[in-house]
Amino acid sequence: MVRKKTKQTRTNIAKIKNEYVRTLQQKEERKRVQKVRLYRNLTVFSAIAIVTLGFLLNAFLGQKKTLAAKEQEKQALLIELAEKEDEHIMLTRQLERLNDDEYIAKLARQEYFLSDKHEIIFSLPKNDEKDKKKDEEKE
């Protein structure tokens, strides 16, 4: 019961309204307002930082995906380049051979049955013709 009386006496106590008390109350109010502003500023800054990080992460992942696609395309083009270089070397060699008169004469003899002096050309039937003749003989 004693405790109840003390509570009642506290509520019955009149507040002192002098200049010192008012300045203390104003300081407490300023601290409270400053704390609210601080939390509000931190919240806004955190939101801006999260949004900025989101955009940066999105841009980074997009660039990473684009880079991977470009690397794959580069590898395909390097393979194609190697093939083209091989083809170029082969064609260069063929061009050099075509500039050689002996090679042209040999090629003409093979393809067009042209003969050199004192040569005799025999035309032999191809394998398909031989097979047909053998089949006809068997029947």
N, C-alpha and C. Protein backbone atom coordinates (compact mmCIF):
# COMPACT_ATOMS: atom_id res chain seq x y z
N MET A 1 0.80 -1.19 0.00
CA MET A 1 0.00 0.00 0.00
C MET A 1 0.84 1.26 0.00
N VAL A 2 1.96 1.10 0.48
CA VAL A 2 2.85 2.24 0.53
C VAL A 2 3.22 2.66 -0.90
N ARG A 3 3.40 1.68 -1.71
CA ARG A 3 3.78 1.98 -3.08
C ARG A 3 2.69 2.76 -3.80
N LYS A 4 1.49 2.40 -3.59
CA LYS A 4 0.39 3.10 -4.24
C LYS A 4 0.37 4.57 -3.84
N LYS A 5 0.67 4.83 -2.63
CA LYS A 5 0.67 6.19 -2.16
C LYS A 5 1.78 7.00 -2.82
N THR A 6 2.91 6.35 -3.03
CA THR A 6 4.00 7.08 -3.65
C THR A 6 3.66 7.41 -5.10
N LYS A 7 2.98 6.50 -5.77
CA LYS A 7 2.58 6.77 -7.14
C LYS A 7 1.60 7.94 -7.17
N GLN A 8 0.72 7.94 -6.26
CA GLN A 8 -0.26 9.00 -6.23
C GLN A 8 0.41 10.33 -5.91
N THR A 9 1.37 10.31 -5.07
CA THR A 9 2.03 11.55 -4.73
C THR A 9 2.83 12.08 -5.91
N ARG A 10 3.34 11.16 -6.74
CA ARG A 10 4.10 11.60 -7.90
C ARG A 10 3.18 12.28 -8.91
N THR A 11 2.00 11.77 -9.06
CA THR A 11 1.08 12.38 -10.00
C THR A 11 0.55 13.71 -9.47
N ASN A 12 0.57 13.87 -8.24
CA ASN A 12 0.05 15.09 -7.65
C ASN A 12 1.10 16.21 -7.60
N ILE A 13 2.33 15.85 -7.95
CA ILE A 13 3.39 16.85 -7.87
C ILE A 13 3.26 17.79 -9.06
N ALA A 14 3.32 19.03 -8.80
CA ALA A 14 3.22 20.03 -9.86
C ALA A 14 4.59 20.20 -10.51
N LYS A 15 4.58 20.43 -11.80
CA LYS A 15 5.83 20.60 -12.54
C LYS A 15 6.30 22.04 -12.38
N ILE A 16 7.62 22.13 -12.33
CA ILE A 16 8.21 23.44 -12.19
C ILE A 16 8.32 24.06 -13.58
N LYS A 17 7.85 25.24 -13.72
CA LYS A 17 7.86 25.90 -15.01
C LYS A 17 8.78 27.12 -14.95
N ASN A 18 10.03 26.85 -14.93
CA ASN A 18 10.97 27.96 -14.98
C ASN A 18 11.82 27.83 -16.24
N GLU A 19 12.71 28.75 -16.44
CA GLU A 19 13.51 28.82 -17.66
C GLU A 19 14.42 27.61 -17.80
N TYR A 20 15.03 27.14 -16.74
CA TYR A 20 15.95 26.00 -16.78
C TYR A 20 15.23 24.75 -17.28
N VAL A 21 14.05 24.49 -16.77
CA VAL A 21 13.29 23.30 -17.15
C VAL A 21 12.90 23.39 -18.63
N ARG A 22 12.48 24.56 -19.06
CA ARG A 22 12.11 24.74 -20.47
C ARG A 22 13.29 24.50 -21.39
N THR A 23 14.48 24.98 -21.04
CA THR A 23 15.65 24.74 -21.89
C THR A 23 16.01 23.26 -21.93
N LEU A 24 15.87 22.56 -20.81
CA LEU A 24 16.12 21.11 -20.81
C LEU A 24 15.11 20.39 -21.71
N GLN A 25 13.86 20.78 -21.62
CA GLN A 25 12.83 20.17 -22.46
C GLN A 25 13.09 20.46 -23.95
N GLN A 26 13.51 21.67 -24.25
CA GLN A 26 13.82 22.02 -25.64
C GLN A 26 15.02 21.20 -26.15
N LYS A 27 16.04 21.02 -25.29
CA LYS A 27 17.18 20.21 -25.69
C LYS A 27 16.76 18.77 -25.96
N GLU A 28 15.92 18.22 -25.09
CA GLU A 28 15.44 16.85 -25.29
C GLU A 28 14.62 16.75 -26.58
N GLU A 29 13.80 17.75 -26.84
CA GLU A 29 12.99 17.76 -28.07
C GLU A 29 13.90 17.85 -29.30
N ARG A 30 14.93 18.69 -29.25
CA ARG A 30 15.87 18.79 -30.37
C ARG A 30 16.58 17.46 -30.60
N LYS A 31 17.01 16.81 -29.54
CA LYS A 31 17.68 15.51 -29.67
C LYS A 31 16.73 14.49 -30.30
N ARG A 32 15.48 14.50 -29.85
CA ARG A 32 14.50 13.57 -30.41
C ARG A 32 14.27 13.84 -31.89
N VAL A 33 14.12 15.11 -32.27
CA VAL A 33 13.91 15.48 -33.67
C VAL A 33 15.16 15.14 -34.49
N GLN A 34 16.33 15.40 -33.92
CA GLN A 34 17.58 15.08 -34.61
C GLN A 34 17.70 13.57 -34.83
N LYS A 35 17.30 12.79 -33.85
CA LYS A 35 17.34 11.34 -33.98
C LYS A 35 16.38 10.86 -35.07
N VAL A 36 15.19 11.45 -35.12
CA VAL A 36 14.21 11.09 -36.15
C VAL A 36 14.77 11.45 -37.53
N ARG A 37 15.36 12.62 -37.66
CA ARG A 37 15.96 13.02 -38.94
C ARG A 37 17.09 12.07 -39.34
N LEU A 38 17.92 11.70 -38.35
CA LEU A 38 19.02 10.79 -38.63
C LEU A 38 18.50 9.46 -39.17
N TYR A 39 17.50 8.88 -38.51
CA TYR A 39 16.93 7.61 -38.98
C TYR A 39 16.29 7.77 -40.36
N ARG A 40 15.62 8.88 -40.58
CA ARG A 40 15.00 9.13 -41.88
C ARG A 40 16.07 9.26 -42.97
N ASN A 41 17.13 10.02 -42.68
CA ASN A 41 18.22 10.18 -43.65
C ASN A 41 18.92 8.84 -43.94
N LEU A 42 19.15 8.06 -42.88
CA LEU A 42 19.77 6.75 -43.08
C LEU A 42 18.89 5.83 -43.92
N THR A 43 17.59 5.90 -43.71
CA THR A 43 16.67 5.08 -44.49
C THR A 43 16.70 5.49 -45.96
N VAL A 44 16.64 6.78 -46.21
CA VAL A 44 16.67 7.28 -47.59
C VAL A 44 18.01 6.92 -48.25
N PHE A 45 19.10 7.14 -47.54
CA PHE A 45 20.42 6.80 -48.08
C PHE A 45 20.53 5.30 -48.37
N SER A 46 20.04 4.48 -47.45
CA SER A 46 20.08 3.03 -47.66
C SER A 46 19.26 2.62 -48.88
N ALA A 47 18.09 3.22 -49.04
CA ALA A 47 17.25 2.91 -50.19
C ALA A 47 17.95 3.31 -51.49
N ILE A 48 18.54 4.50 -51.50
CA ILE A 48 19.27 4.96 -52.70
C ILE A 48 20.46 4.04 -52.98
N ALA A 49 21.18 3.64 -51.92
CA ALA A 49 22.33 2.75 -52.10
C ALA A 49 21.89 1.39 -52.65
N ILE A 50 20.80 0.85 -52.15
CA ILE A 50 20.31 -0.46 -52.61
C ILE A 50 19.88 -0.37 -54.07
N VAL A 51 19.16 0.69 -54.43
CA VAL A 51 18.73 0.85 -55.82
C VAL A 51 19.94 1.01 -56.74
N THR A 52 20.91 1.82 -56.31
CA THR A 52 22.12 2.01 -57.12
C THR A 52 22.88 0.70 -57.28
N LEU A 53 23.04 -0.04 -56.20
CA LEU A 53 23.72 -1.34 -56.28
C LEU A 53 22.95 -2.30 -57.19
N GLY A 54 21.64 -2.24 -57.14
CA GLY A 54 20.83 -3.08 -58.02
C GLY A 54 21.08 -2.76 -59.48
N PHE A 55 21.09 -1.48 -59.82
CA PHE A 55 21.36 -1.08 -61.20
C PHE A 55 22.77 -1.48 -61.63
N LEU A 56 23.75 -1.27 -60.75
CA LEU A 56 25.13 -1.64 -61.08
C LEU A 56 25.27 -3.15 -61.26
N LEU A 57 24.63 -3.91 -60.40
CA LEU A 57 24.69 -5.37 -60.51
C LEU A 57 24.03 -5.83 -61.81
N ASN A 58 22.90 -5.23 -62.14
CA ASN A 58 22.21 -5.57 -63.39
C ASN A 58 23.10 -5.24 -64.59
N ALA A 59 23.72 -4.08 -64.58
CA ALA A 59 24.61 -3.70 -65.68
C ALA A 59 25.80 -4.64 -65.77
N PHE A 60 26.37 -5.00 -64.62
CA PHE A 60 27.52 -5.91 -64.60
C PHE A 60 27.15 -7.27 -65.17
N LEU A 61 26.02 -7.81 -64.74
CA LEU A 61 25.61 -9.12 -65.24
C LEU A 61 25.30 -9.07 -66.74
N GLY A 62 24.69 -7.98 -67.19
CA GLY A 62 24.42 -7.82 -68.62
C GLY A 62 25.71 -7.76 -69.42
N GLN A 63 26.68 -7.02 -68.92
CA GLN A 63 27.96 -6.93 -69.62
C GLN A 63 28.70 -8.26 -69.60
N LYS A 64 28.57 -8.98 -68.50
CA LYS A 64 29.22 -10.29 -68.40
C LYS A 64 28.62 -11.25 -69.43
N LYS A 65 27.30 -11.22 -69.56
CA LYS A 65 26.64 -12.08 -70.54
C LYS A 65 27.04 -11.69 -71.96
N THR A 66 27.08 -10.39 -72.23
CA THR A 66 27.48 -9.91 -73.55
C THR A 66 28.93 -10.30 -73.84
N LEU A 67 29.79 -10.17 -72.84
CA LEU A 67 31.19 -10.53 -73.01
C LEU A 67 31.35 -12.02 -73.32
N ALA A 68 30.58 -12.86 -72.63
CA ALA A 68 30.65 -14.31 -72.90
C ALA A 68 30.20 -14.61 -74.32
N ALA A 69 29.15 -13.94 -74.77
CA ALA A 69 28.67 -14.15 -76.15
C ALA A 69 29.72 -13.68 -77.15
N LYS A 70 30.36 -12.56 -76.88
CA LYS A 70 31.39 -12.04 -77.78
C LYS A 70 32.61 -12.97 -77.80
N GLU A 71 32.97 -13.53 -76.65
CA GLU A 71 34.09 -14.47 -76.60
C GLU A 71 33.79 -15.72 -77.43
N GLN A 72 32.56 -16.20 -77.31
CA GLN A 72 32.16 -17.37 -78.08
C GLN A 72 32.19 -17.04 -79.58
N GLU A 73 31.69 -15.89 -79.94
CA GLU A 73 31.72 -15.46 -81.34
C GLU A 73 33.16 -15.30 -81.83
N LYS A 74 34.02 -14.79 -80.96
CA LYS A 74 35.43 -14.62 -81.31
C LYS A 74 36.08 -15.97 -81.59
N GLN A 75 35.78 -16.97 -80.75
CA GLN A 75 36.35 -18.31 -80.95
C GLN A 75 35.88 -18.88 -82.29
N ALA A 76 34.60 -18.72 -82.59
CA ALA A 76 34.07 -19.22 -83.86
C ALA A 76 34.75 -18.52 -85.03
N LEU A 77 34.95 -17.22 -84.92
CA LEU A 77 35.60 -16.47 -86.00
C LEU A 77 37.07 -16.83 -86.14
N LEU A 78 37.73 -17.14 -85.02
CA LEU A 78 39.13 -17.57 -85.09
C LEU A 78 39.25 -18.91 -85.80
N ILE A 79 38.31 -19.81 -85.53
CA ILE A 79 38.31 -21.10 -86.22
C ILE A 79 38.08 -20.89 -87.71
N GLU A 80 37.12 -20.04 -88.03
CA GLU A 80 36.84 -19.74 -89.44
C GLU A 80 38.05 -19.08 -90.11
N LEU A 81 38.73 -18.21 -89.37
CA LEU A 81 39.93 -17.55 -89.91
C LEU A 81 41.02 -18.58 -90.20
N ALA A 82 41.20 -19.54 -89.30
CA ALA A 82 42.21 -20.57 -89.52
C ALA A 82 41.87 -21.39 -90.77
N GLU A 83 40.59 -21.70 -90.93
CA GLU A 83 40.18 -22.45 -92.13
C GLU A 83 40.44 -21.63 -93.39
N LYS A 84 40.12 -20.35 -93.34
CA LYS A 84 40.34 -19.49 -94.50
C LYS A 84 41.83 -19.34 -94.81
N GLU A 85 42.65 -19.27 -93.77
CA GLU A 85 44.10 -19.17 -93.99
C GLU A 85 44.62 -20.45 -94.65
N ASP A 86 44.14 -21.61 -94.18
CA ASP A 86 44.54 -22.87 -94.80
C ASP A 86 44.11 -22.91 -96.27
N GLU A 87 42.89 -22.46 -96.52
CA GLU A 87 42.40 -22.42 -97.89
C GLU A 87 43.24 -21.46 -98.74
N HIS A 88 43.61 -20.34 -98.15
CA HIS A 88 44.44 -19.36 -98.86
C HIS A 88 45.80 -19.96 -99.21
N ILE A 89 46.40 -20.67 -98.26
CA ILE A 89 47.70 -21.31 -98.51
C ILE A 89 47.57 -22.34 -99.63
N MET A 90 46.50 -23.14 -99.57
CA MET A 90 46.28 -24.16 -100.60
C MET A 90 46.10 -23.50 -101.97
N LEU A 91 45.31 -22.44 -102.03
CA LEU A 91 45.08 -21.76 -103.31
C LEU A 91 46.36 -21.08 -103.82
N THR A 92 47.16 -20.57 -102.91
CA THR A 92 48.43 -19.96 -103.31
C THR A 92 49.35 -21.01 -103.92
N ARG A 93 49.41 -22.18 -103.29
CA ARG A 93 50.23 -23.27 -103.85
C ARG A 93 49.71 -23.71 -105.21
N GLN A 94 48.39 -23.80 -105.31
CA GLN A 94 47.80 -24.20 -106.59
C GLN A 94 48.11 -23.16 -107.66
N LEU A 95 48.06 -21.90 -107.30
CA LEU A 95 48.38 -20.83 -108.24
C LEU A 95 49.84 -20.92 -108.70
N GLU A 96 50.72 -21.22 -107.75
CA GLU A 96 52.13 -21.38 -108.10
C GLU A 96 52.31 -22.57 -109.06
N ARG A 97 51.59 -23.66 -108.79
CA ARG A 97 51.68 -24.83 -109.68
C ARG A 97 51.11 -24.52 -111.05
N LEU A 98 50.04 -23.73 -111.09
CA LEU A 98 49.44 -23.39 -112.39
C LEU A 98 50.34 -22.47 -113.20
N ASN A 99 51.23 -21.78 -112.55
CA ASN A 99 52.20 -20.96 -113.28
C ASN A 99 53.36 -21.80 -113.82
N ASP A 100 53.46 -23.07 -113.38
CA ASP A 100 54.52 -23.97 -113.83
C ASP A 100 54.05 -24.69 -115.10
N ASP A 101 54.82 -24.57 -116.17
CA ASP A 101 54.44 -25.18 -117.46
C ASP A 101 54.41 -26.70 -117.39
N GLU A 102 55.31 -27.30 -116.66
CA GLU A 102 55.34 -28.77 -116.56
C GLU A 102 54.07 -29.29 -115.89
N TYR A 103 53.63 -28.61 -114.86
CA TYR A 103 52.41 -29.03 -114.15
C TYR A 103 51.20 -28.90 -115.07
N ILE A 104 51.13 -27.83 -115.83
CA ILE A 104 50.00 -27.63 -116.75
C ILE A 104 50.00 -28.73 -117.81
N ALA A 105 51.18 -29.09 -118.32
CA ALA A 105 51.25 -30.16 -119.32
C ALA A 105 50.79 -31.48 -118.72
N LYS A 106 51.21 -31.78 -117.50
CA LYS A 106 50.81 -33.02 -116.82
C LYS A 106 49.30 -33.03 -116.60
N LEU A 107 48.76 -31.91 -116.16
CA LEU A 107 47.33 -31.80 -115.91
C LEU A 107 46.53 -31.96 -117.20
N ALA A 108 47.01 -31.36 -118.28
CA ALA A 108 46.31 -31.47 -119.57
C ALA A 108 46.34 -32.91 -120.06
N ARG A 109 47.44 -33.61 -119.85
CA ARG A 109 47.52 -35.01 -120.27
C ARG A 109 46.55 -35.86 -119.47
N GLN A 110 46.41 -35.58 -118.17
CA GLN A 110 45.52 -36.39 -117.33
C GLN A 110 44.05 -36.11 -117.63
N GLU A 111 43.69 -34.86 -117.69
CA GLU A 111 42.29 -34.49 -117.80
C GLU A 111 41.76 -34.55 -119.24
N TYR A 112 42.55 -34.09 -120.18
CA TYR A 112 42.05 -33.94 -121.54
C TYR A 112 42.69 -34.91 -122.53
N PHE A 113 43.45 -35.87 -122.02
CA PHE A 113 44.09 -36.91 -122.83
C PHE A 113 44.95 -36.32 -123.94
N LEU A 114 45.62 -35.24 -123.65
CA LEU A 114 46.56 -34.67 -124.60
C LEU A 114 47.88 -35.43 -124.47
N SER A 115 48.58 -35.56 -125.55
CA SER A 115 49.81 -36.35 -125.51
C SER A 115 51.02 -35.49 -125.81
N ASP A 116 52.12 -35.94 -125.26
CA ASP A 116 53.40 -35.32 -125.53
C ASP A 116 53.99 -36.04 -126.75
N LYS A 117 55.08 -35.59 -127.24
CA LYS A 117 55.68 -36.24 -128.41
C LYS A 117 56.04 -37.68 -128.06
N HIS A 118 55.73 -38.58 -128.95
CA HIS A 118 56.03 -40.00 -128.85
C HIS A 118 55.30 -40.66 -127.67
N GLU A 119 54.12 -40.17 -127.28
CA GLU A 119 53.31 -40.80 -126.23
C GLU A 119 52.08 -41.40 -126.85
N ILE A 120 51.66 -42.53 -126.30
CA ILE A 120 50.42 -43.16 -126.73
C ILE A 120 49.49 -43.16 -125.52
N ILE A 121 48.24 -42.76 -125.72
CA ILE A 121 47.28 -42.67 -124.63
C ILE A 121 46.29 -43.81 -124.76
N PHE A 122 46.14 -44.54 -123.68
CA PHE A 122 45.15 -45.62 -123.62
C PHE A 122 44.03 -45.17 -122.71
N SER A 123 42.81 -45.32 -123.17
CA SER A 123 41.65 -44.97 -122.36
C SER A 123 41.09 -46.26 -121.79
N LEU A 124 41.19 -46.43 -120.50
CA LEU A 124 40.70 -47.63 -119.84
C LEU A 124 39.31 -47.36 -119.29
N PRO A 125 38.42 -48.37 -119.35
CA PRO A 125 37.07 -48.15 -118.81
C PRO A 125 37.13 -47.98 -117.30
N LYS A 126 36.19 -47.24 -116.80
CA LYS A 126 36.13 -47.01 -115.36
C LYS A 126 35.59 -48.25 -114.67
N ASN A 127 35.63 -48.30 -113.37
CA ASN A 127 35.22 -49.47 -112.59
C ASN A 127 33.76 -49.81 -112.82
N ASP A 128 32.89 -48.81 -112.94
CA ASP A 128 31.47 -49.06 -113.14
C ASP A 128 31.24 -49.81 -114.44
N GLU A 129 31.94 -49.43 -115.47
CA GLU A 129 31.78 -50.09 -116.77
C GLU A 129 32.29 -51.53 -116.69
N LYS A 130 33.37 -51.77 -115.96
CA LYS A 130 33.90 -53.12 -115.80
C LYS A 130 32.90 -53.99 -115.06
N ASP A 131 32.29 -53.44 -114.00
CA ASP A 131 31.31 -54.21 -113.22
C ASP A 131 30.11 -54.57 -114.08
N LYS A 132 29.65 -53.66 -114.91
CA LYS A 132 28.50 -53.94 -115.78
C LYS A 132 28.84 -55.06 -116.77
N LYS A 133 30.03 -55.01 -117.33
CA LYS A 133 30.43 -56.05 -118.29
C LYS A 133 30.52 -57.40 -117.60
N LYS A 134 31.04 -57.45 -116.37
CA LYS A 134 31.14 -58.72 -115.65
C LYS A 134 29.76 -59.26 -115.34
N ASP A 135 28.83 -58.36 -114.95
CA ASP A 135 27.46 -58.79 -114.66
C ASP A 135 26.79 -59.35 -115.91
N GLU A 136 27.02 -58.72 -117.05
CA GLU A 136 26.43 -59.20 -118.31
C GLU A 136 27.00 -60.56 -118.69
N GLU A 137 28.29 -60.76 -118.47
CA GLU A 137 28.92 -62.03 -118.80
C GLU A 137 28.41 -63.14 -117.90
N LYS A 138 28.14 -62.86 -116.65
CA LYS A 138 27.64 -63.87 -115.71
C LYS A 138 26.24 -64.31 -116.06
N GLU A 139 25.46 -63.44 -116.62
CA GLU A 139 24.07 -63.76 -116.94
C GLU A 139 24.08 -64.61 -118.15
